[in-house]
């Protein structure tokens, strides 16, 4: 009865994609995008499903279509910003995440992703401010592993540990890099590691 209704196909595709029927879900969401090319939520949902399945170029195209269809649909910016962080395109990500957060400061995920992009750009103090805005979200729950087209992300915890270690190694004189690693170690239950990092952060901090 609803074969020509893009919203029906979007709802069906989202339900299928989130219950393990990936191929059917993607097919339904693709049909939704064809039937409702100007519906921002439909295009963004399709983009999210594509992202989860490692089809990042196609996902970016769908997020772009969502933004074009409705520049006020903030989730399209948030989701595209997260994907750009995953792809290592941090400055592009900041533009999307800034727009999302400035339009609605109640969003938790936008400052978390923006903080991550800033951290990976070496802007540690600005990143710390965003992580405080995202509190009580733990960065370990929102961190994004780096990926390339078609690659599946590794576990968040492993990616976070690697990125923290790389940041401290690359910027050994940055107090905020040590402080953030200490905070994350404390959250992960590594009390001695956290104490070591936070002590070093205090030693390096401007008096």
Protein backbone atom coordinates (compact mmCIF):
# COMPACT_ATOMS: atom_id res chain seq x y z
CA UNK A 1 0.00 0.00 0.00
CA UNK A 2 2.93 2.35 0.55
CA UNK A 3 5.26 1.30 -2.26
CA UNK A 4 5.71 4.90 -3.47
CA UNK A 5 6.19 6.42 -0.04
CA UNK A 6 9.85 7.22 0.65
CA UNK A 7 9.24 7.65 4.38
CA UNK A 8 7.83 4.14 4.60
CA UNK A 9 10.94 2.73 2.92
CA UNK A 10 13.15 4.79 5.25
CA UNK A 11 11.41 3.43 8.34
CA UNK A 12 11.59 -0.09 6.97
CA UNK A 13 15.26 0.28 6.03
CA UNK A 14 16.22 1.70 9.40
CA UNK A 15 14.44 -1.14 11.21
CA UNK A 16 16.10 -3.78 9.04
CA UNK A 17 19.55 -2.21 9.24
CA UNK A 18 19.45 -2.03 13.04
CA UNK A 19 18.31 -5.64 13.47
CA UNK A 20 21.12 -7.26 11.52
CA UNK A 21 19.47 -7.45 8.08
CA UNK A 22 22.03 -5.14 6.56
CA UNK A 23 21.64 -5.81 2.86
CA UNK A 24 17.85 -5.52 3.01
CA UNK A 25 18.11 -2.38 5.13
CA UNK A 26 20.51 -0.67 2.74
CA UNK A 27 18.32 -1.59 -0.23
CA UNK A 28 15.25 -0.12 1.47
CA UNK A 29 17.09 3.06 2.42
CA UNK A 30 18.40 3.43 -1.13
CA UNK A 31 14.80 3.13 -2.36
CA UNK A 32 13.77 5.76 0.19
CA UNK A 33 16.43 8.15 -1.14
CA UNK A 34 15.26 7.59 -4.72
CA UNK A 35 11.61 8.21 -3.80
CA UNK A 36 12.27 11.17 -1.48
CA UNK A 37 15.46 12.85 -2.74
CA UNK A 38 14.55 16.12 -1.03
CA UNK A 39 13.86 14.67 2.42
CA UNK A 40 16.79 15.48 4.71
CA UNK A 41 16.14 12.81 7.35
CA UNK A 42 15.76 10.08 4.74
CA UNK A 43 19.05 11.00 3.08
CA UNK A 44 20.86 11.31 6.41
CA UNK A 45 19.56 7.93 7.66
CA UNK A 46 20.76 6.37 4.43
CA UNK A 47 24.13 8.05 4.95
CA UNK A 48 24.43 6.65 8.47
CA UNK A 49 23.68 3.12 7.28
CA UNK A 50 26.30 3.48 4.56
CA UNK A 51 28.84 4.76 7.09
CA UNK A 52 28.26 1.82 9.41
CA UNK A 53 28.93 -0.49 6.48
CA UNK A 54 32.21 1.14 5.47
CA UNK A 55 30.89 2.89 2.36
CA UNK A 56 32.24 6.28 3.35
CA UNK A 57 32.26 8.11 0.02
CA UNK A 58 28.62 7.21 -0.57
CA UNK A 59 27.78 8.21 3.00
CA UNK A 60 29.35 11.65 2.52
CA UNK A 61 27.29 12.11 -0.63
CA UNK A 62 24.08 11.30 1.24
CA UNK A 63 24.95 13.65 4.10
CA UNK A 64 25.67 16.36 1.55
CA UNK A 65 22.28 15.75 -0.05
CA UNK A 66 20.63 15.99 3.38
CA UNK A 67 22.30 19.34 4.10
CA UNK A 68 21.28 20.65 0.69
CA UNK A 69 17.69 19.49 1.19
CA UNK A 70 17.39 21.13 4.61
CA UNK A 71 20.26 23.27 5.95
CA UNK A 72 18.48 23.29 9.32
CA UNK A 73 18.62 19.51 9.81
CA UNK A 74 21.41 19.52 12.38
CA UNK A 75 22.00 15.78 12.59
CA UNK A 76 23.28 15.79 9.02
CA UNK A 77 26.10 18.11 10.11
CA UNK A 78 26.79 16.08 13.25
CA UNK A 79 26.92 12.76 11.43
CA UNK A 80 28.96 14.12 8.53
CA UNK A 81 31.32 15.77 11.02
CA UNK A 82 31.84 12.47 12.83
CA UNK A 83 32.59 10.67 9.56
CA UNK A 84 35.08 13.38 8.55
CA UNK A 85 36.83 12.87 11.90
CA UNK A 86 37.00 9.13 11.18
CA UNK A 87 38.54 9.88 7.79
CA UNK A 88 41.15 12.21 9.29
CA UNK A 89 39.66 15.32 7.65
CA UNK A 90 39.62 17.28 10.89
CA UNK A 91 39.37 20.86 9.63
CA UNK A 92 36.40 19.98 7.44
CA UNK A 93 34.83 18.22 10.39
CA UNK A 94 35.18 21.35 12.54
CA UNK A 95 33.08 23.39 10.10
CA UNK A 96 30.18 20.93 10.37
CA UNK A 97 30.45 20.43 14.13
CA UNK A 98 30.75 24.16 14.80
CA UNK A 99 27.56 24.76 12.88
CA UNK A 100 25.75 22.00 14.75
CA UNK A 101 26.85 23.15 18.20
CA UNK A 102 26.26 26.86 17.60
CA UNK A 103 22.74 26.16 16.34
CA UNK A 104 21.82 24.00 19.35
CA UNK A 105 24.20 23.92 22.31
CA UNK A 106 22.12 21.15 23.92
CA UNK A 107 23.71 18.59 21.62
CA UNK A 108 26.23 16.47 23.51
CA UNK A 109 27.79 14.62 20.63
CA UNK A 110 28.80 17.62 18.51
CA UNK A 111 31.18 19.05 21.16
CA UNK A 112 32.52 15.55 21.86
CA UNK A 113 33.36 15.04 18.19
CA UNK A 114 34.61 18.62 17.88
CA UNK A 115 36.85 18.13 20.90
CA UNK A 116 38.27 15.01 19.29
CA UNK A 117 38.98 16.86 16.04
CA UNK A 118 40.70 19.68 17.96
CA UNK A 119 42.71 17.16 19.98
CA UNK A 120 43.89 15.43 16.82
CA UNK A 121 44.91 18.82 15.41
CA UNK A 122 47.07 19.41 18.50
CA UNK A 123 44.75 22.07 19.98
CA UNK A 124 44.59 20.42 23.37
CA UNK A 125 43.26 23.20 25.58
CA UNK A 126 40.39 24.00 23.20
CA UNK A 127 39.67 20.27 23.02
CA UNK A 128 39.50 20.07 26.82
CA UNK A 129 36.85 22.82 26.87
CA UNK A 130 34.71 20.85 24.43
CA UNK A 131 35.06 17.63 26.42
CA UNK A 132 33.82 19.51 29.48
CA UNK A 133 30.83 20.73 27.47
CA UNK A 134 30.08 17.12 26.51
CA UNK A 135 30.24 15.89 30.12
CA UNK A 136 28.97 13.43 31.40
CA UNK A 137 29.81 11.64 28.15
CA UNK A 138 33.06 9.73 28.57
CA UNK A 139 35.40 10.36 25.60
CA UNK A 140 35.98 6.60 25.47
CA UNK A 141 32.31 6.19 24.47
CA UNK A 142 32.47 8.65 21.56
CA UNK A 143 36.03 8.33 20.22
CA UNK A 144 36.36 7.56 16.51
CA UNK A 145 38.95 5.18 15.07
CA UNK A 146 40.62 6.28 11.86
CA UNK A 147 39.44 4.51 8.71
CA UNK A 148 39.88 4.45 4.97
CA UNK A 149 37.25 3.63 2.35
CA UNK A 150 35.91 0.15 2.93
CA UNK A 151 37.77 -0.36 6.22
CA UNK A 152 35.91 -1.33 9.35
CA UNK A 153 36.92 0.65 12.46
CA UNK A 154 38.87 -0.97 15.26
CA UNK A 155 37.56 -0.90 18.82
CA UNK A 156 37.10 2.58 20.27
CA UNK A 157 39.17 1.83 23.38
CA UNK A 158 42.17 0.70 21.34
CA UNK A 159 41.92 3.75 19.06
CA UNK A 160 41.69 6.09 22.04
CA UNK A 161 44.76 4.59 23.73
CA UNK A 162 46.77 4.81 20.52
CA UNK A 163 45.77 8.42 19.84
CA UNK A 164 46.51 9.51 23.42
CA UNK A 165 49.95 7.90 23.31
CA UNK A 166 50.72 9.44 19.92
CA UNK A 167 49.67 12.90 21.14
CA UNK A 168 51.90 12.76 24.22
CA UNK A 169 54.83 11.42 22.18
CA UNK A 170 54.42 14.15 19.54
CA UNK A 171 53.82 16.98 22.05
CA UNK A 172 55.73 16.07 25.23
CA UNK A 173 55.68 19.67 26.51
CA UNK A 174 51.91 20.14 26.22
CA UNK A 175 50.34 20.00 29.69
CA UNK A 176 46.82 19.54 28.31
CA UNK A 177 47.83 16.47 26.30
CA UNK A 178 49.13 14.83 29.48
CA UNK A 179 46.07 15.97 31.42
CA UNK A 180 43.64 14.47 28.94
CA UNK A 181 45.47 11.16 28.84
CA UNK A 182 45.44 11.15 32.63
CA UNK A 183 41.72 11.80 32.69
CA UNK A 184 41.07 8.95 30.25
CA UNK A 185 43.34 6.60 32.19
CA UNK A 186 41.47 7.41 35.39
CA UNK A 187 38.13 6.66 33.70
CA UNK A 188 39.54 3.34 32.48
CA UNK A 189 40.59 2.35 36.00
CA UNK A 190 44.34 2.91 35.53
CA UNK A 191 44.89 4.94 38.69
CA UNK A 192 48.70 4.84 38.74
CA UNK A 193 48.95 5.78 35.07
CA UNK A 194 46.49 8.61 35.62
CA UNK A 195 48.44 9.90 38.62
CA UNK A 196 51.67 9.89 36.62
CA UNK A 197 50.13 11.79 33.70
CA UNK A 198 48.31 14.35 35.84
CA UNK A 199 51.45 14.99 37.88
CA UNK A 200 53.36 15.66 34.65
CA UNK A 201 50.56 17.93 33.44
CA UNK A 202 50.82 19.98 36.64
CA UNK A 203 54.61 20.17 36.29
CA UNK A 204 54.28 21.51 32.73
CA UNK A 205 51.34 23.81 33.37
CA UNK A 206 52.16 27.55 33.30
CA UNK A 207 52.59 28.92 36.81
